[in-house]
Amino acid sequence: MSWTRWNGPSIKRKIREATINTVVKTGDVVLSASKQEVPLDDGFLLRSGIVVLKHDNVPVAIISFGGGPGTGHPQIPYARRWHENQANFQHGRKWKYLKDPFNRLASSSLTRILEAELRRIL
């Protein structure tokens, strides 16, 4: 295979887009798993789950429950308390509903999704 023309800016743009897609999709995987574990009473906390993309130089997915400024949801004051305090939740719901899925899924999902995104563009 011979290269006839190198288009560095195009490749750089495609890799940047793949990286951003990977970060967002990984955030969605963790959020989806977290929604299976978040304490459920009336569903406000469950429905407040959101993935926000922040990218200055490096894209970062912010996964949040509990609303507040910038999320489009009203602030739910008990979100942090339920995450940090061990309690007896019903139906397999639990505390650390965001931390545990992140630790369990983030690294492997990021790797798998990034490989798929790079295969798609290259």
PDB file of N, CA and C in Angstrom:
ATOM      1  N   MET A   1       0.847  -1.171   0.000  1.00  0.00           N
ATOM      2  CA  MET A   1       0.000   0.000   0.000  1.00  0.00           C
ATOM      3  C   MET A   1       0.891   1.232   0.000  1.00  0.00           C
ATOM      4  N   SER A   2       0.684   2.089  -0.923  1.00  0.00           N
ATOM      5  CA  SER A   2       1.476   3.317  -0.957  1.00  0.00           C
ATOM      6  C   SER A   2       0.578   4.510  -0.659  1.00  0.00           C
ATOM      7  N   TRP A   3       1.115   5.423   0.073  1.00  0.00           N
ATOM      8  CA  TRP A   3       0.397   6.644   0.412  1.00  0.00           C
ATOM      9  C   TRP A   3       0.659   7.674  -0.672  1.00  0.00           C
ATOM     10  N   THR A   4      -0.370   8.190  -1.236  1.00  0.00           N
ATOM     11  CA  THR A   4      -0.193   9.212  -2.261  1.00  0.00           C
ATOM     12  C   THR A   4      -0.358  10.610  -1.690  1.00  0.00           C
ATOM     13  N   ARG A   5      -1.147  10.708  -0.620  1.00  0.00           N
ATOM     14  CA  ARG A   5      -1.370  12.024  -0.040  1.00  0.00           C
ATOM     15  C   ARG A   5      -1.670  11.876   1.445  1.00  0.00           C
ATOM     16  N   TRP A   6      -0.976  12.617   2.247  1.00  0.00           N
ATOM     17  CA  TRP A   6      -1.196  12.603   3.699  1.00  0.00           C
ATOM     18  C   TRP A   6      -2.112  13.772   4.045  1.00  0.00           C
ATOM     19  N   ASN A   7      -3.213  13.471   4.706  1.00  0.00           N
ATOM     20  CA  ASN A   7      -4.158  14.510   5.090  1.00  0.00           C
ATOM     21  C   ASN A   7      -4.247  14.550   6.618  1.00  0.00           C
ATOM     22  N   GLY A   8      -3.188  15.071   7.227  1.00  0.00           N
ATOM     23  CA  GLY A   8      -3.079  15.116   8.685  1.00  0.00           C
ATOM     24  C   GLY A   8      -4.218  15.827   9.385  1.00  0.00           C
ATOM     25  N   PRO A   9      -4.608  17.027   8.946  1.00  0.00           N
ATOM     26  CA  PRO A   9      -5.704  17.718   9.632  1.00  0.00           C
ATOM     27  C   PRO A   9      -7.021  16.934   9.615  1.00  0.00           C
ATOM     28  N   SER A  10      -7.297  16.252   8.514  1.00  0.00           N
ATOM     29  CA  SER A  10      -8.521  15.457   8.426  1.00  0.00           C
ATOM     30  C   SER A  10      -8.473  14.281   9.397  1.00  0.00           C
ATOM     31  N   ILE A  11      -7.337  13.620   9.453  1.00  0.00           N
ATOM     32  CA  ILE A  11      -7.187  12.485  10.369  1.00  0.00           C
ATOM     33  C   ILE A  11      -7.282  12.964  11.812  1.00  0.00           C
ATOM     34  N   LYS A  12      -6.629  14.072  12.117  1.00  0.00           N
ATOM     35  CA  LYS A  12      -6.679  14.624  13.470  1.00  0.00           C
ATOM     36  C   LYS A  12      -8.122  14.952  13.864  1.00  0.00           C
ATOM     37  N   ARG A  13      -8.893  15.542  12.958  1.00  0.00           N
ATOM     38  CA  ARG A  13     -10.293  15.876  13.221  1.00  0.00           C
ATOM     39  C   ARG A  13     -11.119  14.612  13.453  1.00  0.00           C
ATOM     40  N   LYS A  14     -10.899  13.587  12.632  1.00  0.00           N
ATOM     41  CA  LYS A  14     -11.650  12.337  12.780  1.00  0.00           C
ATOM     42  C   LYS A  14     -11.329  11.644  14.101  1.00  0.00           C
ATOM     43  N   ILE A  15     -10.059  11.662  14.489  1.00  0.00           N
ATOM     44  CA  ILE A  15      -9.671  11.042  15.761  1.00  0.00           C
ATOM     45  C   ILE A  15     -10.273  11.822  16.925  1.00  0.00           C
ATOM     46  N   ARG A  16     -10.287  13.128  16.832  1.00  0.00           N
ATOM     47  CA  ARG A  16     -10.901  13.961  17.879  1.00  0.00           C
ATOM     48  C   ARG A  16     -12.393  13.637  17.994  1.00  0.00           C
ATOM     49  N   GLU A  17     -13.091  13.537  16.870  1.00  0.00           N
ATOM     50  CA  GLU A  17     -14.518  13.190  16.888  1.00  0.00           C
ATOM     51  C   GLU A  17     -14.736  11.800  17.483  1.00  0.00           C
ATOM     52  N   ALA A  18     -13.874  10.845  17.124  1.00  0.00           N
ATOM     53  CA  ALA A  18     -13.988   9.490  17.666  1.00  0.00           C
ATOM     54  C   ALA A  18     -13.770   9.493  19.173  1.00  0.00           C
ATOM     55  N   THR A  19     -12.835  10.307  19.639  1.00  0.00           N
ATOM     56  CA  THR A  19     -12.565  10.400  21.070  1.00  0.00           C
ATOM     57  C   THR A  19     -13.769  10.983  21.807  1.00  0.00           C
ATOM     58  N   ILE A  20     -14.342  12.040  21.265  1.00  0.00           N
ATOM     59  CA  ILE A  20     -15.519  12.652  21.887  1.00  0.00           C
ATOM     60  C   ILE A  20     -16.684  11.661  21.909  1.00  0.00           C
ATOM     61  N   ASN A  21     -16.932  10.972  20.795  1.00  0.00           N
ATOM     62  CA  ASN A  21     -17.997   9.958  20.750  1.00  0.00           C
ATOM     63  C   ASN A  21     -17.756   8.867  21.775  1.00  0.00           C
ATOM     64  N   THR A  22     -16.506   8.447  21.918  1.00  0.00           N
ATOM     65  CA  THR A  22     -16.160   7.399  22.874  1.00  0.00           C
ATOM     66  C   THR A  22     -16.459   7.837  24.295  1.00  0.00           C
ATOM     67  N   VAL A  23     -16.079   9.043  24.643  1.00  0.00           N
ATOM     68  CA  VAL A  23     -16.305   9.543  25.999  1.00  0.00           C
ATOM     69  C   VAL A  23     -17.805   9.635  26.297  1.00  0.00           C
ATOM     70  N   VAL A  24     -18.578  10.143  25.361  1.00  0.00           N
ATOM     71  CA  VAL A  24     -20.027  10.264  25.564  1.00  0.00           C
ATOM     72  C   VAL A  24     -20.672   8.883  25.685  1.00  0.00           C
ATOM     73  N   LYS A  25     -20.313   7.966  24.799  1.00  0.00           N
ATOM     74  CA  LYS A  25     -20.899   6.618  24.837  1.00  0.00           C
ATOM     75  C   LYS A  25     -20.516   5.885  26.117  1.00  0.00           C
ATOM     76  N   THR A  26     -19.281   6.062  26.585  1.00  0.00           N
ATOM     77  CA  THR A  26     -18.862   5.440  27.840  1.00  0.00           C
ATOM     78  C   THR A  26     -19.659   6.026  29.002  1.00  0.00           C
ATOM     79  N   GLY A  27     -19.854   7.324  28.999  1.00  0.00           N
ATOM     80  CA  GLY A  27     -20.691   7.950  30.025  1.00  0.00           C
ATOM     81  C   GLY A  27     -22.102   7.395  30.013  1.00  0.00           C
ATOM     82  N   ASP A  28     -22.645   7.165  28.829  1.00  0.00           N
ATOM     83  CA  ASP A  28     -23.993   6.598  28.712  1.00  0.00           C
ATOM     84  C   ASP A  28     -24.060   5.170  29.257  1.00  0.00           C
ATOM     85  N   VAL A  29     -23.003   4.385  29.033  1.00  0.00           N
ATOM     86  CA  VAL A  29     -22.960   3.015  29.565  1.00  0.00           C
ATOM     87  C   VAL A  29     -22.983   3.045  31.090  1.00  0.00           C
ATOM     88  N   VAL A  30     -22.148   3.895  31.681  1.00  0.00           N
ATOM     89  CA  VAL A  30     -22.088   3.997  33.143  1.00  0.00           C
ATOM     90  C   VAL A  30     -23.411   4.538  33.689  1.00  0.00           C
ATOM     91  N   LEU A  31     -23.982   5.539  33.037  1.00  0.00           N
ATOM     92  CA  LEU A  31     -25.262   6.095  33.489  1.00  0.00           C
ATOM     93  C   LEU A  31     -26.363   5.038  33.445  1.00  0.00           C
ATOM     94  N   SER A  32     -26.402   4.269  32.378  1.00  0.00           N
ATOM     95  CA  SER A  32     -27.420   3.224  32.249  1.00  0.00           C
ATOM     96  C   SER A  32     -27.307   2.200  33.380  1.00  0.00           C
ATOM     97  N   ALA A  33     -26.082   1.777  33.683  1.00  0.00           N
ATOM     98  CA  ALA A  33     -25.878   0.825  34.780  1.00  0.00           C
ATOM     99  C   ALA A  33     -26.220   1.462  36.124  1.00  0.00           C
ATOM    100  N   SER A  34     -25.898   2.734  36.285  1.00  0.00           N
ATOM    101  CA  SER A  34     -26.200   3.434  37.535  1.00  0.00           C
ATOM    102  C   SER A  34     -27.700   3.534  37.760  1.00  0.00           C
ATOM    103  N   LYS A  35     -28.442   3.715  36.689  1.00  0.00           N
ATOM    104  CA  LYS A  35     -29.896   3.814  36.818  1.00  0.00           C
ATOM    105  C   LYS A  35     -30.519   2.506  37.293  1.00  0.00           C
ATOM    106  N   GLN A  36     -29.798   1.389  37.126  1.00  0.00           N
ATOM    107  CA  GLN A  36     -30.288   0.108  37.622  1.00  0.00           C
ATOM    108  C   GLN A  36     -30.038  -0.044  39.119  1.00  0.00           C
ATOM    109  N   GLU A  37     -29.170   0.813  39.689  1.00  0.00           N
ATOM    110  CA  GLU A  37     -28.797   0.691  41.096  1.00  0.00           C
ATOM    111  C   GLU A  37     -29.252   1.864  41.957  1.00  0.00           C
ATOM    112  N   VAL A  38     -29.618   2.980  41.351  1.00  0.00           N
ATOM    113  CA  VAL A  38     -29.977   4.185  42.106  1.00  0.00           C
ATOM    114  C   VAL A  38     -31.211   3.905  42.965  1.00  0.00           C
ATOM    115  N   PRO A  39     -31.214   4.376  44.226  1.00  0.00           N
ATOM    116  CA  PRO A  39     -32.394   4.177  45.072  1.00  0.00           C
ATOM    117  C   PRO A  39     -33.643   4.731  44.391  1.00  0.00           C
ATOM    118  N   LEU A  40     -34.717   3.977  44.511  1.00  0.00           N
ATOM    119  CA  LEU A  40     -35.937   4.315  43.782  1.00  0.00           C
ATOM    120  C   LEU A  40     -37.097   4.426  44.760  1.00  0.00           C
ATOM    121  N   ASP A  41     -37.617   5.620  44.897  1.00  0.00           N
ATOM    122  CA  ASP A  41     -38.813   5.818  45.701  1.00  0.00           C
ATOM    123  C   ASP A  41     -39.900   6.379  44.794  1.00  0.00           C
ATOM    124  N   ASP A  42     -39.750   7.630  44.413  1.00  0.00           N
ATOM    125  CA  ASP A  42     -40.718   8.233  43.500  1.00  0.00           C
ATOM    126  C   ASP A  42     -40.135   8.468  42.113  1.00  0.00           C
ATOM    127  N   GLY A  43     -38.857   8.170  41.906  1.00  0.00           N
ATOM    128  CA  GLY A  43     -38.245   8.238  40.587  1.00  0.00           C
ATOM    129  C   GLY A  43     -37.582   9.553  40.234  1.00  0.00           C
ATOM    130  N   PHE A  44     -37.660  10.560  41.121  1.00  0.00           N
ATOM    131  CA  PHE A  44     -37.024  11.844  40.805  1.00  0.00           C
ATOM    132  C   PHE A  44     -35.520  11.692  40.638  1.00  0.00           C
ATOM    133  N   LEU A  45     -34.893  10.974  41.562  1.00  0.00           N
ATOM    134  CA  LEU A  45     -33.442  10.790  41.504  1.00  0.00           C
ATOM    135  C   LEU A  45     -33.055  10.015  40.248  1.00  0.00           C
ATOM    136  N   LEU A  46     -33.782   8.970  39.935  1.00  0.00           N
ATOM    137  CA  LEU A  46     -33.525   8.176  38.735  1.00  0.00           C
ATOM    138  C   LEU A  46     -33.601   9.039  37.473  1.00  0.00           C
ATOM    139  N   ARG A  47     -34.625   9.851  37.369  1.00  0.00           N
ATOM    140  CA  ARG A  47     -34.812  10.684  36.179  1.00  0.00           C
ATOM    141  C   ARG A  47     -33.838  11.854  36.089  1.00  0.00           C
ATOM    142  N   SER A  48     -33.143  12.156  37.180  1.00  0.00           N
ATOM    143  CA  SER A  48     -32.203  13.278  37.149  1.00  0.00           C
ATOM    144  C   SER A  48     -30.841  12.880  36.592  1.00  0.00           C
ATOM    145  N   GLY A  49     -30.614  11.594  36.313  1.00  0.00           N
ATOM    146  CA  GLY A  49     -29.329  11.142  35.781  1.00  0.00           C
ATOM    147  C   GLY A  49     -29.042  11.757  34.421  1.00  0.00           C
ATOM    148  N   ILE A  50     -27.822  12.240  34.242  1.00  0.00           N
ATOM    149  CA  ILE A  50     -27.472  12.941  33.007  1.00  0.00           C
ATOM    150  C   ILE A  50     -25.979  12.778  32.734  1.00  0.00           C
ATOM    151  N   VAL A  51     -25.623  12.782  31.453  1.00  0.00           N
ATOM    152  CA  VAL A  51     -24.222  12.819  31.024  1.00  0.00           C
ATOM    153  C   VAL A  51     -24.012  14.147  30.316  1.00  0.00           C
ATOM    154  N   VAL A  52     -23.042  14.918  30.796  1.00  0.00           N
ATOM    155  CA  VAL A  52     -22.714  16.212  30.200  1.00  0.00           C
ATOM    156  C   VAL A  52     -21.288  16.134  29.678  1.00  0.00           C
ATOM    157  N   LEU A  53     -21.081  16.561  28.449  1.00  0.00           N
ATOM    158  CA  LEU A  53     -19.740  16.560  27.860  1.00  0.00           C
ATOM    159  C   LEU A  53     -19.086  17.909  28.106  1.00  0.00           C
ATOM    160  N   LYS A  54     -17.901  17.862  28.685  1.00  0.00           N
ATOM    161  CA  LYS A  54     -17.097  19.068  28.874  1.00  0.00           C
ATOM    162  C   LYS A  54     -15.798  18.822  28.127  1.00  0.00           C
ATOM    163  N   HIS A  55     -15.458  19.690  27.198  1.00  0.00           N
ATOM    164  CA  HIS A  55     -14.200  19.479  26.491  1.00  0.00           C
ATOM    165  C   HIS A  55     -13.504  20.806  26.247  1.00  0.00           C
ATOM    166  N   ASP A  56     -12.377  20.949  26.907  1.00  0.00           N
ATOM    167  CA  ASP A  56     -11.482  22.067  26.641  1.00  0.00           C
ATOM    168  C   ASP A  56     -10.394  21.520  25.726  1.00  0.00           C
ATOM    169  N   ASN A  57      -9.389  20.909  26.302  1.00  0.00           N
ATOM    170  CA  ASN A  57      -8.362  20.224  25.513  1.00  0.00           C
ATOM    171  C   ASN A  57      -8.634  18.729  25.446  1.00  0.00           C
ATOM    172  N   VAL A  58      -9.193  18.199  26.526  1.00  0.00           N
ATOM    173  CA  VAL A  58      -9.471  16.770  26.621  1.00  0.00           C
ATOM    174  C   VAL A  58     -10.960  16.604  26.917  1.00  0.00           C
ATOM    175  N   PRO A  59     -11.676  15.792  26.139  1.00  0.00           N
ATOM    176  CA  PRO A  59     -13.104  15.606  26.417  1.00  0.00           C
ATOM    177  C   PRO A  59     -13.321  14.826  27.717  1.00  0.00           C
ATOM    178  N   VAL A  60     -14.267  15.288  28.518  1.00  0.00           N
ATOM    179  CA  VAL A  60     -14.580  14.663  29.798  1.00  0.00           C
ATOM    180  C   VAL A  60     -16.093  14.504  29.879  1.00  0.00           C
ATOM    181  N   ALA A  61     -16.549  13.321  30.262  1.00  0.00           N
ATOM    182  CA  ALA A  61     -17.976  13.098  30.490  1.00  0.00           C
ATOM    183  C   ALA A  61     -18.245  13.262  31.975  1.00  0.00           C
ATOM    184  N   ILE A  62     -19.170  14.130  32.300  1.00  0.00           N
ATOM    185  CA  ILE A  62     -19.580  14.316  33.687  1.00  0.00           C
ATOM    186  C   ILE A  62     -20.908  13.593  33.847  1.00  0.00           C
ATOM    187  N   ILE A  63     -20.919  12.592  34.720  1.00  0.00           N
ATOM    188  CA  ILE A  63     -22.121  11.803  34.977  1.00  0.00           C
ATOM    189  C   ILE A  63     -22.674  12.282  36.307  1.00  0.00           C
ATOM    190  N   SER A  64     -23.932  12.683  36.308  1.00  0.00           N
ATOM    191  CA  SER A  64     -24.477  13.332  37.493  1.00  0.00           C
ATOM    192  C   SER A  64     -25.888  12.849  37.787  1.00  0.00           C
ATOM    193  N   PHE A  65     -26.171  12.745  39.069  1.00  0.00           N
ATOM    194  CA  PHE A  65     -27.530  12.551  39.561  1.00  0.00           C
ATOM    195  C   PHE A  65     -27.808  13.686  40.534  1.00  0.00           C
ATOM    196  N   GLY A  66     -29.017  14.124  40.593  1.00  0.00           N
ATOM    197  CA  GLY A  66     -29.384  15.109  41.594  1.00  0.00           C
ATOM    198  C   GLY A  66     -29.592  16.502  41.070  1.00  0.00           C
ATOM    199  N   GLY A  67     -29.445  16.705  39.775  1.00  0.00           N
ATOM    200  CA  GLY A  67     -29.752  17.995  39.183  1.00  0.00           C
ATOM    201  C   GLY A  67     -28.846  19.115  39.634  1.00  0.00           C
ATOM    202  N   GLY A  68     -29.378  20.321  39.552  1.00  0.00           N
ATOM    203  CA  GLY A  68     -28.621  21.501  39.920  1.00  0.00           C
ATOM    204  C   GLY A  68     -28.283  22.330  38.703  1.00  0.00           C
ATOM    205  N   PRO A  69     -27.531  23.404  38.907  1.00  0.00           N
ATOM    206  CA  PRO A  69     -27.207  24.320  37.807  1.00  0.00           C
ATOM    207  C   PRO A  69     -26.533  23.611  36.632  1.00  0.00           C
ATOM    208  N   GLY A  70     -26.977  23.925  35.439  1.00  0.00           N
ATOM    209  CA  GLY A  70     -26.357  23.391  34.234  1.00  0.00           C
ATOM    210  C   GLY A  70     -26.833  22.023  33.804  1.00  0.00           C
ATOM    211  N   THR A  71     -27.732  21.402  34.567  1.00  0.00           N
ATOM    212  CA  THR A  71     -28.176  20.056  34.215  1.00  0.00           C
ATOM    213  C   THR A  71     -29.566  20.036  33.591  1.00  0.00           C
ATOM    214  N   GLY A  72     -30.325  21.091  33.780  1.00  0.00           N
ATOM    215  CA  GLY A  72     -31.692  21.100  33.280  1.00  0.00           C
ATOM    216  C   GLY A  72     -32.677  20.440  34.223  1.00  0.00           C
ATOM    217  N   HIS A  73     -32.193  20.017  35.384  1.00  0.00           N
ATOM    218  CA  HIS A  73     -33.056  19.393  36.388  1.00  0.00           C
ATOM    219  C   HIS A  73     -33.007  20.216  37.668  1.00  0.00           C
ATOM    220  N   PRO A  74     -34.106  20.258  38.420  1.00  0.00           N
ATOM    221  CA  PRO A  74     -34.040  20.925  39.725  1.00  0.00           C
ATOM    222  C   PRO A  74     -33.121  20.138  40.654  1.00  0.00           C
ATOM    223  N   GLN A  75     -32.504  20.833  41.581  1.00  0.00           N
ATOM    224  CA  GLN A  75     -31.575  20.171  42.496  1.00  0.00           C
ATOM    225  C   GLN A  75     -32.334  19.249  43.445  1.00  0.00           C
ATOM    226  N   ILE A  76     -31.817  18.039  43.588  1.00  0.00           N
ATOM    227  CA  ILE A  76     -32.396  17.057  44.498  1.00  0.00           C
ATOM    228  C   ILE A  76     -31.415  16.922  45.660  1.00  0.00           C
ATOM    229  N   PRO A  77     -31.733  17.522  46.811  1.00  0.00           N
ATOM    230  CA  PRO A  77     -30.754  17.625  47.894  1.00  0.00           C
ATOM    231  C   PRO A  77     -30.321  16.289  48.493  1.00  0.00           C
ATOM    232  N   TYR A  78     -31.135  15.256  48.373  1.00  0.00           N
ATOM    233  CA  TYR A  78     -30.780  13.990  48.996  1.00  0.00           C
ATOM    234  C   TYR A  78     -29.922  13.091  48.103  1.00  0.00           C
ATOM    235  N   ALA A  79     -29.591  13.517  46.889  1.00  0.00           N
ATOM    236  CA  ALA A  79     -28.818  12.667  45.971  1.00  0.00           C
ATOM    237  C   ALA A  79     -27.475  12.272  46.571  1.00  0.00           C
ATOM    238  N   ARG A  80     -26.739  13.241  47.096  1.00  0.00           N
ATOM    239  CA  ARG A  80     -25.427  12.939  47.684  1.00  0.00           C
ATOM    240  C   ARG A  80     -25.577  12.072  48.931  1.00  0.00           C
ATOM    241  N   ARG A  81     -26.579  12.375  49.751  1.00  0.00           N
ATOM    242  CA  ARG A  81     -26.775  11.614  50.988  1.00  0.00           C
ATOM    243  C   ARG A  81     -27.031  10.138  50.676  1.00  0.00           C
ATOM    244  N   TRP A  82     -27.892   9.857  49.680  1.00  0.00           N
ATOM    245  CA  TRP A  82     -28.175   8.462  49.344  1.00  0.00           C
ATOM    246  C   TRP A  82     -26.966   7.772  48.722  1.00  0.00           C
ATOM    247  N   HIS A  83     -26.113   8.526  48.052  1.00  0.00           N
ATOM    248  CA  HIS A  83     -24.916   7.923  47.467  1.00  0.00           C
ATOM    249  C   HIS A  83     -23.904   7.567  48.547  1.00  0.00           C
ATOM    250  N   GLU A  84     -23.777   8.391  49.564  1.00  0.00           N
ATOM    251  CA  GLU A  84     -22.714   8.237  50.553  1.00  0.00           C
ATOM    252  C   GLU A  84     -23.117   7.474  51.808  1.00  0.00           C
ATOM    253  N   ASN A  85     -24.386   7.388  52.120  1.00  0.00           N
ATOM    254  CA  ASN A  85     -24.825   6.742  53.359  1.00  0.00           C
ATOM    255  C   ASN A  85     -25.439   5.385  53.071  1.00  0.00           C
ATOM    256  N   GLN A  86     -24.901   4.391  53.764  1.00  0.00           N
ATOM    257  CA  GLN A  86     -25.412   3.040  53.593  1.00  0.00           C
ATOM    258  C   GLN A  86     -26.794   2.956  54.234  1.00  0.00           C
ATOM    259  N   ALA A  87     -27.728   2.435  53.504  1.00  0.00           N
ATOM    260  CA  ALA A  87     -29.089   2.274  54.008  1.00  0.00           C
ATOM    261  C   ALA A  87     -29.672   1.004  53.401  1.00  0.00           C
ATOM    262  N   ASN A  88     -30.825   0.622  53.871  1.00  0.00           N
ATOM    263  CA  ASN A  88     -31.481  -0.578  53.380  1.00  0.00           C
ATOM    264  C   ASN A  88     -32.459  -0.180  52.270  1.00  0.00           C
ATOM    265  N   PHE A  89     -32.011  -0.310  51.019  1.00  0.00           N
ATOM    266  CA  PHE A  89     -32.842   0.081  49.882  1.00  0.00           C
ATOM    267  C   PHE A  89     -33.579  -1.134  49.336  1.00  0.00           C
ATOM    268  N   GLN A  90     -34.712  -0.894  48.701  1.00  0.00           N
ATOM    269  CA  GLN A  90     -35.544  -1.971  48.179  1.00  0.00           C
ATOM    270  C   GLN A  90     -35.133  -2.378  46.768  1.00  0.00           C
ATOM    271  N   HIS A  91     -35.511  -3.573  46.383  1.00  0.00           N
ATOM    272  CA  HIS A  91     -35.392  -4.086  45.010  1.00  0.00           C
ATOM    273  C   HIS A  91     -33.968  -4.054  44.463  1.00  0.00           C
ATOM    274  N   GLY A  92     -32.987  -4.378  45.276  1.00  0.00           N
ATOM    275  CA  GLY A  92     -31.607  -4.441  44.801  1.00  0.00           C
ATOM    276  C   GLY A  92     -30.952  -3.088  44.580  1.00  0.00           C
ATOM    277  N   ARG A  93     -31.634  -2.016  44.930  1.00  0.00           N
ATOM    278  CA  ARG A  93     -31.046  -0.678  44.805  1.00  0.00           C
ATOM    279  C   ARG A  93     -30.041  -0.500  45.930  1.00  0.00           C
ATOM    280  N   LYS A  94     -29.084   0.419  45.758  1.00  0.00           N
ATOM    281  CA  LYS A  94     -28.007   0.492  46.742  1.00  0.00           C
ATOM    282  C   LYS A  94     -27.373   1.865  46.808  1.00  0.00           C
ATOM    283  N   TRP A  95     -26.551   2.052  47.814  1.00  0.00           N
ATOM    284  CA  TRP A  95     -25.733   3.255  47.901  1.00  0.00           C
ATOM    285  C   TRP A  95     -24.550   3.077  46.960  1.00  0.00           C
ATOM    286  N   LYS A  96     -23.763   4.092  46.747  1.00  0.00           N
ATOM    287  CA  LYS A  96     -22.638   4.077  45.789  1.00  0.00           C
ATOM    288  C   LYS A  96     -23.139   3.701  44.393  1.00  0.00           C
ATOM    289  N   TYR A  97     -24.339   4.176  44.069  1.00  0.00           N
ATOM    290  CA  TYR A  97     -24.990   3.826  42.805  1.00  0.00           C
ATOM    291  C   TYR A  97     -24.295   4.402  41.587  1.00  0.00           C
ATOM    292  N   LEU A  98     -23.407   5.356  41.768  1.00  0.00           N
ATOM    293  CA  LEU A  98     -22.646   5.895  40.641  1.00  0.00           C
ATOM    294  C   LEU A  98     -21.205   5.390  40.659  1.00  0.00           C
ATOM    295  N   LYS A  99     -20.627   5.337  41.834  1.00  0.00           N
ATOM    296  CA  LYS A  99     -19.223   4.920  41.967  1.00  0.00           C
ATOM    297  C   LYS A  99     -19.017   3.460  41.554  1.00  0.00           C
ATOM    298  N   ASP A 100     -19.866   2.572  42.022  1.00  0.00           N
ATOM    299  CA  ASP A 100     -19.684   1.146  41.725  1.00  0.00           C
ATOM    300  C   ASP A 100     -19.796   0.836  40.227  1.00  0.00           C
ATOM    301  N   PRO A 101     -20.826   1.304  39.520  1.00  0.00           N
ATOM    302  CA  PRO A 101     -20.871   1.055  38.070  1.00  0.00           C
ATOM    303  C   PRO A 101     -19.698   1.690  37.329  1.00  0.00           C
ATOM    304  N   PHE A 102     -19.261   2.864  37.785  1.00  0.00           N
ATOM    305  CA  PHE A 102     -18.103   3.500  37.148  1.00  0.00           C
ATOM    306  C   PHE A 102     -16.870   2.615  37.294  1.00  0.00           C
ATOM    307  N   ASN A 103     -16.598   2.163  38.513  1.00  0.00           N
ATOM    308  CA  ASN A 103     -15.424   1.311  38.741  1.00  0.00           C
ATOM    309  C   ASN A 103     -15.528  -0.008  37.988  1.00  0.00           C
ATOM    310  N   ARG A 104     -16.723  -0.528  37.863  1.00  0.00           N
ATOM    311  CA  ARG A 104     -16.932  -1.817  37.218  1.00  0.00           C
ATOM    312  C   ARG A 104     -16.885  -1.729  35.691  1.00  0.00           C
ATOM    313  N   LEU A 105     -17.365  -0.644  35.101  1.00  0.00           N
ATOM    314  CA  LEU A 105     -17.580  -0.602  33.654  1.00  0.00           C
ATOM    315  C   LEU A 105     -16.754   0.407  32.870  1.00  0.00           C
ATOM    316  N   ALA A 106     -16.318   1.478  33.482  1.00  0.00           N
ATOM    317  CA  ALA A 106     -15.743   2.597  32.719  1.00  0.00           C
ATOM    318  C   ALA A 106     -14.525   2.199  31.897  1.00  0.00           C
ATOM    319  N   SER A 107     -13.563   1.554  32.503  1.00  0.00           N
ATOM    320  CA  SER A 107     -12.313   1.245  31.800  1.00  0.00           C
ATOM    321  C   SER A 107     -12.534   0.293  30.626  1.00  0.00           C
ATOM    322  N   SER A 108     -13.241  -0.799  30.877  1.00  0.00           N
ATOM    323  CA  SER A 108     -13.452  -1.774  29.801  1.00  0.00           C
ATOM    324  C   SER A 108     -14.348  -1.201  28.701  1.00  0.00           C
ATOM    325  N   SER A 109     -15.360  -0.425  29.079  1.00  0.00           N
ATOM    326  CA  SER A 109     -16.239   0.187  28.073  1.00  0.00           C
ATOM    327  C   SER A 109     -15.488   1.206  27.236  1.00  0.00           C
ATOM    328  N   LEU A 110     -14.658   2.013  27.881  1.00  0.00           N
ATOM    329  CA  LEU A 110     -13.877   3.014  27.160  1.00  0.00           C
ATOM    330  C   LEU A 110     -12.990   2.346  26.119  1.00  0.00           C
ATOM    331  N   THR A 111     -12.306   1.291  26.510  1.00  0.00           N
ATOM    332  CA  THR A 111     -11.418   0.575  25.591  1.00  0.00           C
ATOM    333  C   THR A 111     -12.196  -0.021  24.424  1.00  0.00           C
ATOM    334  N   ARG A 112     -13.278  -0.717  24.732  1.00  0.00           N
ATOM    335  CA  ARG A 112     -14.085  -1.382  23.700  1.00  0.00           C
ATOM    336  C   ARG A 112     -14.697  -0.370  22.726  1.00  0.00           C
ATOM    337  N   ILE A 113     -15.241   0.707  23.254  1.00  0.00           N
ATOM    338  CA  ILE A 113     -15.890   1.706  22.401  1.00  0.00           C
ATOM    339  C   ILE A 113     -14.862   2.457  21.570  1.00  0.00           C
ATOM    340  N   LEU A 114     -13.708   2.779  22.154  1.00  0.00           N
ATOM    341  CA  LEU A 114     -12.665   3.478  21.399  1.00  0.00           C
ATOM    342  C   LEU A 114     -12.158   2.621  20.244  1.00  0.00           C
ATOM    343  N   GLU A 115     -11.955   1.328  20.495  1.00  0.00           N
ATOM    344  CA  GLU A 115     -11.526   0.429  19.414  1.00  0.00           C
ATOM    345  C   GLU A 115     -12.545   0.434  18.276  1.00  0.00           C
ATOM    346  N   ALA A 116     -13.823   0.366  18.617  1.00  0.00           N
ATOM    347  CA  ALA A 116     -14.871   0.357  17.585  1.00  0.00           C
ATOM    348  C   ALA A 116     -14.909   1.682  16.821  1.00  0.00           C
ATOM    349  N   GLU A 117     -14.773   2.789  17.524  1.00  0.00           N
ATOM    350  CA  GLU A 117     -14.788   4.105  16.864  1.00  0.00           C
ATOM    351  C   GLU A 117     -13.589   4.262  15.932  1.00  0.00           C
ATOM    352  N   LEU A 118     -12.419   3.824  16.365  1.00  0.00           N
ATOM    353  CA  LEU A 118     -11.225   3.946  15.517  1.00  0.00           C
ATOM    354  C   LEU A 118     -11.319   3.037  14.298  1.00  0.00           C
ATOM    355  N   ARG A 119     -11.856   1.832  14.476  1.00  0.00           N
ATOM    356  CA  ARG A 119     -12.064   0.944  13.326  1.00  0.00           C
ATOM    357  C   ARG A 119     -13.018   1.582  12.319  1.00  0.00           C
ATOM    358  N   ARG A 120     -14.016   2.270  12.823  1.00  0.00           N
ATOM    359  CA  ARG A 120     -15.010   2.893  11.958  1.00  0.00           C
ATOM    360  C   ARG A 120     -14.392   4.002  11.098  1.00  0.00           C
ATOM    361  N   ILE A 121     -13.471   4.781  11.660  1.00  0.00           N
ATOM    362  CA  ILE A 121     -12.942   5.923  10.906  1.00  0.00           C
ATOM    363  C   ILE A 121     -11.697   5.608  10.097  1.00  0.00           C
ATOM    364  N   LEU A 122     -10.982   4.543  10.453  1.00  0.00           N
ATOM    365  CA  LEU A 122      -9.724   4.259   9.744  1.00  0.00           C
ATOM    366  C   LEU A 122      -9.878   3.212   8.668  1.00  0.00           C
TER     367      LEU A 122
END
